[in-house]
């Protein structure tokens, strides 16, 4: 199954799922950081977002993980 031949709906769904993986990766990285237990959590989270060197691996892994999962589901659905 070639992703370049997907319909517009499949491409939009893939993008939404992948961006959801990015958000989940950022939240997962923040939960595992030592700043998660700091007082004034929301302000600490906003400050933490300005230093992507601390967490950039997690959103990238979330993006590729969910994109690959979406592709595998589409591959299994097309083979049936």
N, C-alpha and C. Protein backbone atom coordinates (compact mmCIF):
# COMPACT_ATOMS: atom_id res chain seq x y z
N UNK A 1 0.85 -1.18 0.00
CA UNK A 1 0.00 0.00 0.00
C UNK A 1 0.89 1.24 0.00
N UNK A 2 0.76 2.01 -1.03
CA UNK A 2 1.59 3.20 -1.20
C UNK A 2 0.92 4.40 -0.54
N UNK A 3 1.57 5.03 0.46
CA UNK A 3 0.97 6.20 1.11
C UNK A 3 0.80 7.39 0.18
N UNK A 4 1.54 7.44 -0.90
CA UNK A 4 1.40 8.56 -1.83
C UNK A 4 0.13 8.46 -2.66
N UNK A 5 -0.49 7.30 -2.65
CA UNK A 5 -1.74 7.11 -3.39
C UNK A 5 -2.97 7.14 -2.48
N UNK A 6 -2.79 7.50 -1.21
CA UNK A 6 -3.92 7.57 -0.29
C UNK A 6 -4.86 8.70 -0.69
N UNK A 7 -6.11 8.55 -0.30
CA UNK A 7 -7.07 9.63 -0.54
C UNK A 7 -6.79 10.78 0.43
N UNK A 8 -7.43 11.89 0.18
CA UNK A 8 -7.24 13.05 1.04
C UNK A 8 -7.68 12.75 2.48
N UNK A 9 -8.74 12.00 2.64
CA UNK A 9 -9.23 11.66 3.98
C UNK A 9 -8.20 10.83 4.74
N UNK A 10 -7.55 9.90 4.06
CA UNK A 10 -6.53 9.10 4.72
C UNK A 10 -5.32 9.95 5.12
N UNK A 11 -4.94 10.87 4.24
CA UNK A 11 -3.79 11.73 4.57
C UNK A 11 -4.09 12.66 5.73
N UNK A 12 -5.31 13.20 5.77
CA UNK A 12 -5.69 14.07 6.89
C UNK A 12 -5.76 13.27 8.18
N UNK A 13 -6.31 12.07 8.11
CA UNK A 13 -6.38 11.22 9.30
C UNK A 13 -4.98 10.85 9.78
N UNK A 14 -4.07 10.55 8.84
CA UNK A 14 -2.69 10.25 9.22
C UNK A 14 -2.03 11.45 9.90
N UNK A 15 -2.28 12.64 9.38
CA UNK A 15 -1.70 13.84 9.97
C UNK A 15 -2.26 14.10 11.37
N UNK A 16 -3.56 13.94 11.54
CA UNK A 16 -4.18 14.15 12.86
C UNK A 16 -3.65 13.14 13.87
N UNK A 17 -3.55 11.89 13.46
CA UNK A 17 -3.04 10.85 14.36
C UNK A 17 -1.58 11.13 14.71
N UNK A 18 -0.78 11.53 13.74
CA UNK A 18 0.63 11.81 14.00
C UNK A 18 0.82 13.01 14.91
N UNK A 19 0.02 14.06 14.70
CA UNK A 19 0.12 15.23 15.58
C UNK A 19 -0.37 14.92 16.99
N UNK A 20 -1.32 14.01 17.11
CA UNK A 20 -1.74 13.56 18.43
C UNK A 20 -0.59 12.82 19.12
N UNK A 21 0.18 12.08 18.36
CA UNK A 21 1.37 11.43 18.90
C UNK A 21 2.41 12.43 19.37
N UNK A 22 2.55 13.54 18.65
CA UNK A 22 3.48 14.60 19.07
C UNK A 22 3.04 15.18 20.41
N UNK A 23 1.77 15.48 20.54
CA UNK A 23 1.26 16.05 21.79
C UNK A 23 1.43 15.05 22.93
N UNK A 24 1.12 13.79 22.65
CA UNK A 24 1.30 12.76 23.68
C UNK A 24 2.77 12.63 24.06
N UNK A 25 3.67 12.74 23.09
CA UNK A 25 5.10 12.68 23.38
C UNK A 25 5.56 13.83 24.26
N UNK A 26 5.07 15.03 23.99
CA UNK A 26 5.42 16.19 24.82
C UNK A 26 4.90 16.01 26.24
N UNK A 27 3.67 15.58 26.37
CA UNK A 27 3.11 15.38 27.71
C UNK A 27 3.82 14.25 28.45
N UNK A 28 4.15 13.18 27.74
CA UNK A 28 4.87 12.07 28.36
C UNK A 28 6.25 12.52 28.82
N UNK A 29 6.93 13.35 28.02
CA UNK A 29 8.25 13.86 28.40
C UNK A 29 8.14 14.77 29.62
N UNK A 30 7.10 15.59 29.68
CA UNK A 30 6.95 16.49 30.83
C UNK A 30 6.65 15.70 32.10
N UNK A 31 5.85 14.66 31.97
CA UNK A 31 5.54 13.84 33.14
C UNK A 31 6.79 13.15 33.67
N UNK A 32 7.69 12.77 32.78
CA UNK A 32 8.92 12.10 33.21
C UNK A 32 10.05 13.07 33.56
N UNK A 33 9.83 14.35 33.42
CA UNK A 33 10.87 15.32 33.76
C UNK A 33 10.79 15.68 35.25
N UNK A 34 11.88 16.18 35.81
CA UNK A 34 11.82 16.58 37.21
C UNK A 34 10.97 17.83 37.45
N UNK A 35 10.62 18.54 36.39
CA UNK A 35 9.82 19.75 36.53
C UNK A 35 8.34 19.45 36.76
N UNK A 36 7.94 18.20 36.58
CA UNK A 36 6.54 17.82 36.75
C UNK A 36 6.07 18.05 38.18
N UNK A 37 6.96 17.88 39.15
CA UNK A 37 6.59 18.01 40.55
C UNK A 37 6.83 19.41 41.11
N UNK A 38 7.21 20.34 40.26
CA UNK A 38 7.46 21.71 40.71
C UNK A 38 6.14 22.41 41.02
N UNK A 39 6.15 23.32 41.99
CA UNK A 39 4.92 24.10 42.23
C UNK A 39 4.64 25.02 41.04
N UNK A 40 3.40 25.48 40.95
CA UNK A 40 2.96 26.30 39.81
C UNK A 40 3.19 25.56 38.49
N UNK A 41 2.59 24.40 38.40
CA UNK A 41 2.83 23.48 37.29
C UNK A 41 2.61 24.07 35.92
N UNK A 42 1.55 24.85 35.72
CA UNK A 42 1.27 25.37 34.39
C UNK A 42 2.35 26.35 33.93
N UNK A 43 2.80 27.22 34.83
CA UNK A 43 3.86 28.16 34.47
C UNK A 43 5.17 27.44 34.21
N UNK A 44 5.44 26.40 34.99
CA UNK A 44 6.65 25.61 34.77
C UNK A 44 6.56 24.90 33.42
N UNK A 45 5.38 24.40 33.07
CA UNK A 45 5.20 23.73 31.78
C UNK A 45 5.44 24.68 30.63
N UNK A 46 4.91 25.90 30.72
CA UNK A 46 5.13 26.88 29.66
C UNK A 46 6.61 27.24 29.54
N UNK A 47 7.30 27.38 30.65
CA UNK A 47 8.73 27.68 30.62
C UNK A 47 9.51 26.49 30.06
N UNK A 48 9.10 25.30 30.45
CA UNK A 48 9.76 24.08 29.99
C UNK A 48 9.64 23.91 28.48
N UNK A 49 8.51 24.34 27.91
CA UNK A 49 8.33 24.22 26.46
C UNK A 49 9.31 25.08 25.66
N UNK A 50 9.84 26.12 26.29
CA UNK A 50 10.78 27.00 25.59
C UNK A 50 12.18 26.43 25.51
N UNK A 51 12.43 25.27 26.13
CA UNK A 51 13.75 24.65 26.04
C UNK A 51 13.62 23.25 25.42
N UNK A 52 13.46 23.18 24.11
CA UNK A 52 13.22 21.88 23.46
C UNK A 52 14.41 20.93 23.52
N UNK A 53 15.56 21.40 23.91
CA UNK A 53 16.70 20.51 24.04
C UNK A 53 16.51 19.46 25.11
N UNK A 54 15.59 19.71 26.03
CA UNK A 54 15.32 18.77 27.11
C UNK A 54 14.43 17.61 26.69
N UNK A 55 13.64 17.80 25.67
CA UNK A 55 12.58 16.82 25.40
C UNK A 55 12.34 16.52 23.93
N UNK A 56 13.13 16.97 23.00
CA UNK A 56 12.81 16.88 21.58
C UNK A 56 12.66 15.44 21.09
N UNK A 57 13.30 14.49 21.75
CA UNK A 57 13.23 13.10 21.30
C UNK A 57 11.82 12.54 21.45
N UNK A 58 11.11 12.94 22.50
CA UNK A 58 9.79 12.37 22.78
C UNK A 58 8.74 12.74 21.74
N UNK A 59 8.62 14.00 21.34
CA UNK A 59 7.64 14.30 20.29
C UNK A 59 7.98 13.65 18.94
N UNK A 60 9.26 13.57 18.63
CA UNK A 60 9.66 12.92 17.37
C UNK A 60 9.31 11.44 17.41
N UNK A 61 9.58 10.80 18.54
CA UNK A 61 9.23 9.38 18.68
C UNK A 61 7.71 9.19 18.65
N UNK A 62 6.98 10.12 19.26
CA UNK A 62 5.52 10.04 19.20
C UNK A 62 4.99 10.19 17.79
N UNK A 63 5.58 11.10 17.04
CA UNK A 63 5.15 11.30 15.65
C UNK A 63 5.39 10.05 14.83
N UNK A 64 6.62 9.55 14.86
CA UNK A 64 6.94 8.40 14.02
C UNK A 64 6.25 7.13 14.50
N UNK A 65 6.10 6.99 15.81
CA UNK A 65 5.42 5.80 16.34
C UNK A 65 3.96 5.75 15.92
N UNK A 66 3.25 6.85 16.04
CA UNK A 66 1.84 6.85 15.64
C UNK A 66 1.68 6.82 14.13
N UNK A 67 2.61 7.44 13.39
CA UNK A 67 2.55 7.37 11.93
C UNK A 67 2.76 5.94 11.45
N UNK A 68 3.71 5.25 12.05
CA UNK A 68 3.96 3.85 11.68
C UNK A 68 2.78 2.97 12.06
N UNK A 69 2.21 3.21 13.23
CA UNK A 69 1.05 2.44 13.66
C UNK A 69 -0.13 2.66 12.71
N UNK A 70 -0.35 3.90 12.31
CA UNK A 70 -1.43 4.20 11.36
C UNK A 70 -1.17 3.49 10.03
N UNK A 71 0.06 3.51 9.56
CA UNK A 71 0.38 2.85 8.30
C UNK A 71 0.15 1.34 8.41
N UNK A 72 0.56 0.74 9.53
CA UNK A 72 0.36 -0.69 9.69
C UNK A 72 -1.11 -1.06 9.74
N UNK A 73 -1.92 -0.24 10.39
CA UNK A 73 -3.36 -0.50 10.42
C UNK A 73 -3.93 -0.41 9.02
N UNK A 74 -3.53 0.60 8.27
CA UNK A 74 -4.01 0.73 6.90
C UNK A 74 -3.54 -0.44 6.03
N UNK A 75 -2.33 -0.90 6.27
CA UNK A 75 -1.80 -2.02 5.51
C UNK A 75 -2.58 -3.29 5.81
N UNK A 76 -2.90 -3.52 7.08
CA UNK A 76 -3.68 -4.70 7.44
C UNK A 76 -5.11 -4.62 6.92
N UNK A 77 -5.67 -3.43 6.93
CA UNK A 77 -7.05 -3.27 6.43
C UNK A 77 -7.11 -3.49 4.92
N UNK A 78 -6.09 -3.09 4.20
CA UNK A 78 -6.12 -3.24 2.75
C UNK A 78 -5.83 -4.67 2.32
N UNK A 79 -5.16 -5.44 3.15
CA UNK A 79 -4.86 -6.82 2.79
C UNK A 79 -6.03 -7.75 3.00
N UNK A 80 -7.01 -7.33 3.78
CA UNK A 80 -8.18 -8.19 4.02
C UNK A 80 -9.17 -8.10 2.93
